[in-house]
Amino acid sequence: MHLLTACGDSRVWFGRTDRPYVFASPCHNGEFALLLVVGDGDVSPDERAALSEQFVRQGCRYAVCAGSACTLWDDSIDMVGVMDDIESRPAQFVMTTWHDEEPVVDVVEFFALNTRFEEWVAAAFVVLVLGGPPELEAEVRAAVEKRFG
């Protein structure tokens, strides 16, 4: 994960992960909005659950999910909060959206403009490409660089 750009007080981080899937937030215990672009259509339910928990535990407050099986990712991230509630663990609310078959540029625009709720506003934006071909990573990176400048 590396710092792609800084826009005023906001930071935009960009990274990619391949198997074995692991996420390490660059925000150092701070909260962030996540754009997850899934290029690997063969992620197991256990891998999805483990990564979803890593996102939430490391400070994700808004997750924008796009790409392969993005509705499953949205549900998986939501499930972390459901399980926290069932098991009486303290947890922050995490907003999620999924963007099935939408152009990358449109998803990036949504990510830039709509990842806020109630009084929470993102100061850190994390873009993560999960597997897939190098062309997907390049497309996402170009759209993020264009939008966030």
C-alpha atoms as a PDB file:
ATOM      1  CA  MET A   1       0.000   0.000   0.000  1.00  0.00           C
ATOM      2  CA  HIS A   2       1.420   3.381  -0.919  1.00  0.00           C
ATOM      3  CA  LEU A   3       0.319   7.000  -0.698  1.00  0.00           C
ATOM      4  CA  LEU A   4      -1.067   7.932  -4.084  1.00  0.00           C
ATOM      5  CA  THR A   5      -1.977  11.533  -3.430  1.00  0.00           C
ATOM      6  CA  ALA A   6      -2.828  14.035  -0.749  1.00  0.00           C
ATOM      7  CA  CYS A   7      -5.760  16.404  -1.279  1.00  0.00           C
ATOM      8  CA  GLY A   8      -5.774  19.044   1.439  1.00  0.00           C
ATOM      9  CA  ASP A   9      -6.261  17.164   4.694  1.00  0.00           C
ATOM     10  CA  SER A  10      -7.214  13.951   2.896  1.00  0.00           C
ATOM     11  CA  ARG A  11      -4.879  11.128   1.934  1.00  0.00           C
ATOM     12  CA  VAL A  12      -5.506   8.578  -0.809  1.00  0.00           C
ATOM     13  CA  TRP A  13      -3.752   5.221  -0.495  1.00  0.00           C
ATOM     14  CA  PHE A  14      -3.578   2.599  -3.237  1.00  0.00           C
ATOM     15  CA  GLY A  15      -2.659  -1.062  -3.087  1.00  0.00           C
ATOM     16  CA  ARG A  16      -3.219  -4.534  -4.381  1.00  0.00           C
ATOM     17  CA  THR A  17      -3.346  -7.899  -2.674  1.00  0.00           C
ATOM     18  CA  ASP A  18      -3.156 -11.386  -4.083  1.00  0.00           C
ATOM     19  CA  ARG A  19      -3.334 -14.768  -2.379  1.00  0.00           C
ATOM     20  CA  PRO A  20      -2.823 -15.179   0.453  1.00  0.00           C
ATOM     21  CA  TYR A  21      -5.111 -12.178   0.963  1.00  0.00           C
ATOM     22  CA  VAL A  22      -4.008  -9.891   3.763  1.00  0.00           C
ATOM     23  CA  PHE A  23      -4.888  -6.282   4.505  1.00  0.00           C
ATOM     24  CA  ALA A  24      -2.785  -3.874   6.545  1.00  0.00           C
ATOM     25  CA  SER A  25      -4.257  -0.411   6.836  1.00  0.00           C
ATOM     26  CA  PRO A  26      -1.877   2.418   6.029  1.00  0.00           C
ATOM     27  CA  CYS A  27      -3.922   4.685   8.305  1.00  0.00           C
ATOM     28  CA  HIS A  28      -2.268   3.545  11.552  1.00  0.00           C
ATOM     29  CA  ASN A  29      -5.331   3.088  13.755  1.00  0.00           C
ATOM     30  CA  GLY A  30      -7.282   5.829  11.989  1.00  0.00           C
ATOM     31  CA  GLU A  31     -10.618   5.515  10.279  1.00  0.00           C
ATOM     32  CA  PHE A  32     -10.912   5.365   6.507  1.00  0.00           C
ATOM     33  CA  ALA A  33     -13.221   4.890   3.548  1.00  0.00           C
ATOM     34  CA  LEU A  34     -12.419   1.797   1.488  1.00  0.00           C
ATOM     35  CA  LEU A  35     -12.877   1.223  -2.215  1.00  0.00           C
ATOM     36  CA  LEU A  36     -12.574  -2.525  -2.729  1.00  0.00           C
ATOM     37  CA  VAL A  37     -12.345  -3.586  -6.370  1.00  0.00           C
ATOM     38  CA  VAL A  38     -12.526  -7.367  -6.605  1.00  0.00           C
ATOM     39  CA  GLY A  39     -10.811  -8.855  -9.631  1.00  0.00           C
ATOM     40  CA  ASP A  40     -10.572 -12.414  -8.328  1.00  0.00           C
ATOM     41  CA  GLY A  41     -13.835 -14.273  -8.844  1.00  0.00           C
ATOM     42  CA  ASP A  42     -12.592 -17.292  -6.907  1.00  0.00           C
ATOM     43  CA  VAL A  43     -12.397 -15.943  -3.351  1.00  0.00           C
ATOM     44  CA  SER A  44     -13.638 -18.458  -0.792  1.00  0.00           C
ATOM     45  CA  PRO A  45     -16.216 -17.527   1.847  1.00  0.00           C
ATOM     46  CA  ASP A  46     -13.558 -17.992   4.558  1.00  0.00           C
ATOM     47  CA  GLU A  47     -11.127 -15.667   2.744  1.00  0.00           C
ATOM     48  CA  ARG A  48     -13.898 -13.091   2.292  1.00  0.00           C
ATOM     49  CA  ALA A  49     -14.887 -13.273   5.964  1.00  0.00           C
ATOM     50  CA  ALA A  50     -11.291 -12.965   7.164  1.00  0.00           C
ATOM     51  CA  LEU A  51     -10.584  -9.941   4.966  1.00  0.00           C
ATOM     52  CA  SER A  52     -13.886  -8.306   5.902  1.00  0.00           C
ATOM     53  CA  GLU A  53     -12.987  -8.585   9.560  1.00  0.00           C
ATOM     54  CA  GLN A  54      -9.521  -7.149   8.885  1.00  0.00           C
ATOM     55  CA  PHE A  55     -11.080  -4.130   7.134  1.00  0.00           C
ATOM     56  CA  VAL A  56     -13.478  -3.398   9.974  1.00  0.00           C
ATOM     57  CA  ARG A  57     -11.026  -4.045  12.821  1.00  0.00           C
ATOM     58  CA  GLN A  58      -8.479  -1.737  11.219  1.00  0.00           C
ATOM     59  CA  GLY A  59     -10.842   1.237  10.946  1.00  0.00           C
ATOM     60  CA  CYS A  60     -12.978   0.947   7.833  1.00  0.00           C
ATOM     61  CA  ARG A  61     -16.091   3.093   8.314  1.00  0.00           C
ATOM     62  CA  TYR A  62     -17.393   3.114   4.740  1.00  0.00           C
ATOM     63  CA  ALA A  63     -16.813   0.301   2.231  1.00  0.00           C
ATOM     64  CA  VAL A  64     -17.568   0.742  -1.453  1.00  0.00           C
ATOM     65  CA  CYS A  65     -17.471  -2.704  -3.080  1.00  0.00           C
ATOM     66  CA  ALA A  66     -17.138  -3.219  -6.830  1.00  0.00           C
ATOM     67  CA  GLY A  67     -16.162  -6.002  -9.175  1.00  0.00           C
ATOM     68  CA  SER A  68     -16.657  -9.739  -8.925  1.00  0.00           C
ATOM     69  CA  ALA A  69     -19.283 -10.840  -6.370  1.00  0.00           C
ATOM     70  CA  CYS A  70     -19.329  -7.353  -4.868  1.00  0.00           C
ATOM     71  CA  THR A  71     -22.725  -7.946  -3.227  1.00  0.00           C
ATOM     72  CA  LEU A  72     -21.183 -10.826  -1.270  1.00  0.00           C
ATOM     73  CA  TRP A  73     -18.417  -8.494  -0.072  1.00  0.00           C
ATOM     74  CA  ASP A  74     -20.955  -5.886   0.996  1.00  0.00           C
ATOM     75  CA  ASP A  75     -22.824  -8.546   2.984  1.00  0.00           C
ATOM     76  CA  SER A  76     -19.618  -9.962   4.471  1.00  0.00           C
ATOM     77  CA  ILE A  77     -18.460  -6.579   5.745  1.00  0.00           C
ATOM     78  CA  ASP A  78     -21.937  -5.933   7.177  1.00  0.00           C
ATOM     79  CA  MET A  79     -21.823  -9.327   8.884  1.00  0.00           C
ATOM     80  CA  VAL A  80     -18.825  -8.269  10.985  1.00  0.00           C
ATOM     81  CA  GLY A  81     -21.033  -5.663  12.642  1.00  0.00           C
ATOM     82  CA  VAL A  82     -23.907  -8.109  13.030  1.00  0.00           C
ATOM     83  CA  MET A  83     -21.638 -10.597  14.798  1.00  0.00           C
ATOM     84  CA  ASP A  84     -20.205  -7.854  17.009  1.00  0.00           C
ATOM     85  CA  ASP A  85     -23.745  -6.954  18.038  1.00  0.00           C
ATOM     86  CA  ILE A  86     -24.724 -10.589  18.693  1.00  0.00           C
ATOM     87  CA  GLU A  87     -21.568 -11.161  20.734  1.00  0.00           C
ATOM     88  CA  SER A  88     -21.934  -7.815  22.578  1.00  0.00           C
ATOM     89  CA  ARG A  89     -18.606  -6.467  21.303  1.00  0.00           C
ATOM     90  CA  PRO A  90     -18.260  -2.716  21.013  1.00  0.00           C
ATOM     91  CA  ALA A  91     -18.027  -1.674  17.375  1.00  0.00           C
ATOM     92  CA  GLN A  92     -18.260   1.312  15.086  1.00  0.00           C
ATOM     93  CA  PHE A  93     -21.006   1.438  12.476  1.00  0.00           C
ATOM     94  CA  VAL A  94     -19.727   0.672   8.956  1.00  0.00           C
ATOM     95  CA  MET A  95     -21.666   1.877   5.925  1.00  0.00           C
ATOM     96  CA  THR A  96     -21.428  -0.339   2.833  1.00  0.00           C
ATOM     97  CA  THR A  97     -22.476  -0.132  -0.798  1.00  0.00           C
ATOM     98  CA  TRP A  98     -22.019  -2.395  -3.773  1.00  0.00           C
ATOM     99  CA  HIS A  99     -21.673  -1.389  -7.393  1.00  0.00           C
ATOM    100  CA  ASP A 100     -22.375  -4.357  -9.624  1.00  0.00           C
ATOM    101  CA  GLU A 101     -21.287  -4.006 -13.264  1.00  0.00           C
ATOM    102  CA  GLU A 102     -20.762  -0.235 -12.994  1.00  0.00           C
ATOM    103  CA  PRO A 103     -17.877   1.393 -14.857  1.00  0.00           C
ATOM    104  CA  VAL A 104     -14.785   1.891 -12.689  1.00  0.00           C
ATOM    105  CA  VAL A 105     -14.796   5.631 -13.319  1.00  0.00           C
ATOM    106  CA  ASP A 106     -18.375   5.889 -11.980  1.00  0.00           C
ATOM    107  CA  VAL A 107     -17.537   3.866  -8.874  1.00  0.00           C
ATOM    108  CA  VAL A 108     -14.487   6.044  -8.179  1.00  0.00           C
ATOM    109  CA  GLU A 109     -16.656   9.153  -8.543  1.00  0.00           C
ATOM    110  CA  PHE A 110     -19.151   7.720  -6.032  1.00  0.00           C
ATOM    111  CA  PHE A 111     -16.273   6.878  -3.691  1.00  0.00           C
ATOM    112  CA  ALA A 112     -14.926  10.436  -3.883  1.00  0.00           C
ATOM    113  CA  LEU A 113     -18.250  12.192  -3.370  1.00  0.00           C
ATOM    114  CA  ASN A 114     -20.451   9.946  -1.227  1.00  0.00           C
ATOM    115  CA  THR A 115     -18.412   8.211   1.452  1.00  0.00           C
ATOM    116  CA  ARG A 116     -19.810  10.127   4.380  1.00  0.00           C
ATOM    117  CA  PHE A 117     -22.765   9.627   6.674  1.00  0.00           C
ATOM    118  CA  GLU A 118     -24.263  11.410   9.659  1.00  0.00           C
ATOM    119  CA  GLU A 119     -21.315  13.390  11.065  1.00  0.00           C
ATOM    120  CA  TRP A 120     -18.557  11.081   9.790  1.00  0.00           C
ATOM    121  CA  VAL A 121     -16.421  12.354   6.897  1.00  0.00           C
ATOM    122  CA  ALA A 122     -13.450  10.425   5.546  1.00  0.00           C
ATOM    123  CA  ALA A 123     -10.016  11.974   5.900  1.00  0.00           C
ATOM    124  CA  ALA A 124      -8.344   8.870   4.503  1.00  0.00           C
ATOM    125  CA  PHE A 125      -9.315   6.969   1.381  1.00  0.00           C
ATOM    126  CA  VAL A 126      -7.956   3.460   0.805  1.00  0.00           C
ATOM    127  CA  VAL A 127      -8.260   1.823  -2.605  1.00  0.00           C
ATOM    128  CA  LEU A 128      -7.575  -1.905  -2.698  1.00  0.00           C
ATOM    129  CA  VAL A 129      -7.581  -4.100  -5.794  1.00  0.00           C
ATOM    130  CA  LEU A 130      -8.111  -7.734  -4.861  1.00  0.00           C
ATOM    131  CA  GLY A 131      -6.460  -9.969  -7.438  1.00  0.00           C
ATOM    132  CA  GLY A 132      -7.401  -9.923 -11.088  1.00  0.00           C
ATOM    133  CA  PRO A 133      -5.403  -8.966 -14.154  1.00  0.00           C
ATOM    134  CA  PRO A 134      -2.848  -6.129 -14.170  1.00  0.00           C
ATOM    135  CA  GLU A 135      -5.124  -4.230 -16.570  1.00  0.00           C
ATOM    136  CA  LEU A 136      -7.776  -3.942 -13.850  1.00  0.00           C
ATOM    137  CA  GLU A 137      -5.260  -2.506 -11.415  1.00  0.00           C
ATOM    138  CA  ALA A 138      -4.093  -0.005 -14.036  1.00  0.00           C
ATOM    139  CA  GLU A 139      -7.680   1.014 -14.853  1.00  0.00           C
ATOM    140  CA  VAL A 140      -8.563   1.569 -11.192  1.00  0.00           C
ATOM    141  CA  ARG A 141      -5.361   3.466 -10.506  1.00  0.00           C
ATOM    142  CA  ALA A 142      -5.871   5.747 -13.521  1.00  0.00           C
ATOM    143  CA  ALA A 143      -9.450   6.536 -12.481  1.00  0.00           C
ATOM    144  CA  VAL A 144      -8.395   7.282  -8.892  1.00  0.00           C
ATOM    145  CA  GLU A 145      -5.474   9.474  -9.997  1.00  0.00           C
ATOM    146  CA  LYS A 146      -7.728  11.397 -12.376  1.00  0.00           C
ATOM    147  CA  ARG A 147     -10.456  11.937  -9.776  1.00  0.00           C
ATOM    148  CA  PHE A 148      -8.287  12.706  -6.762  1.00  0.00           C
ATOM    149  CA  GLY A 149      -5.559  14.453  -8.796  1.00  0.00           C
END
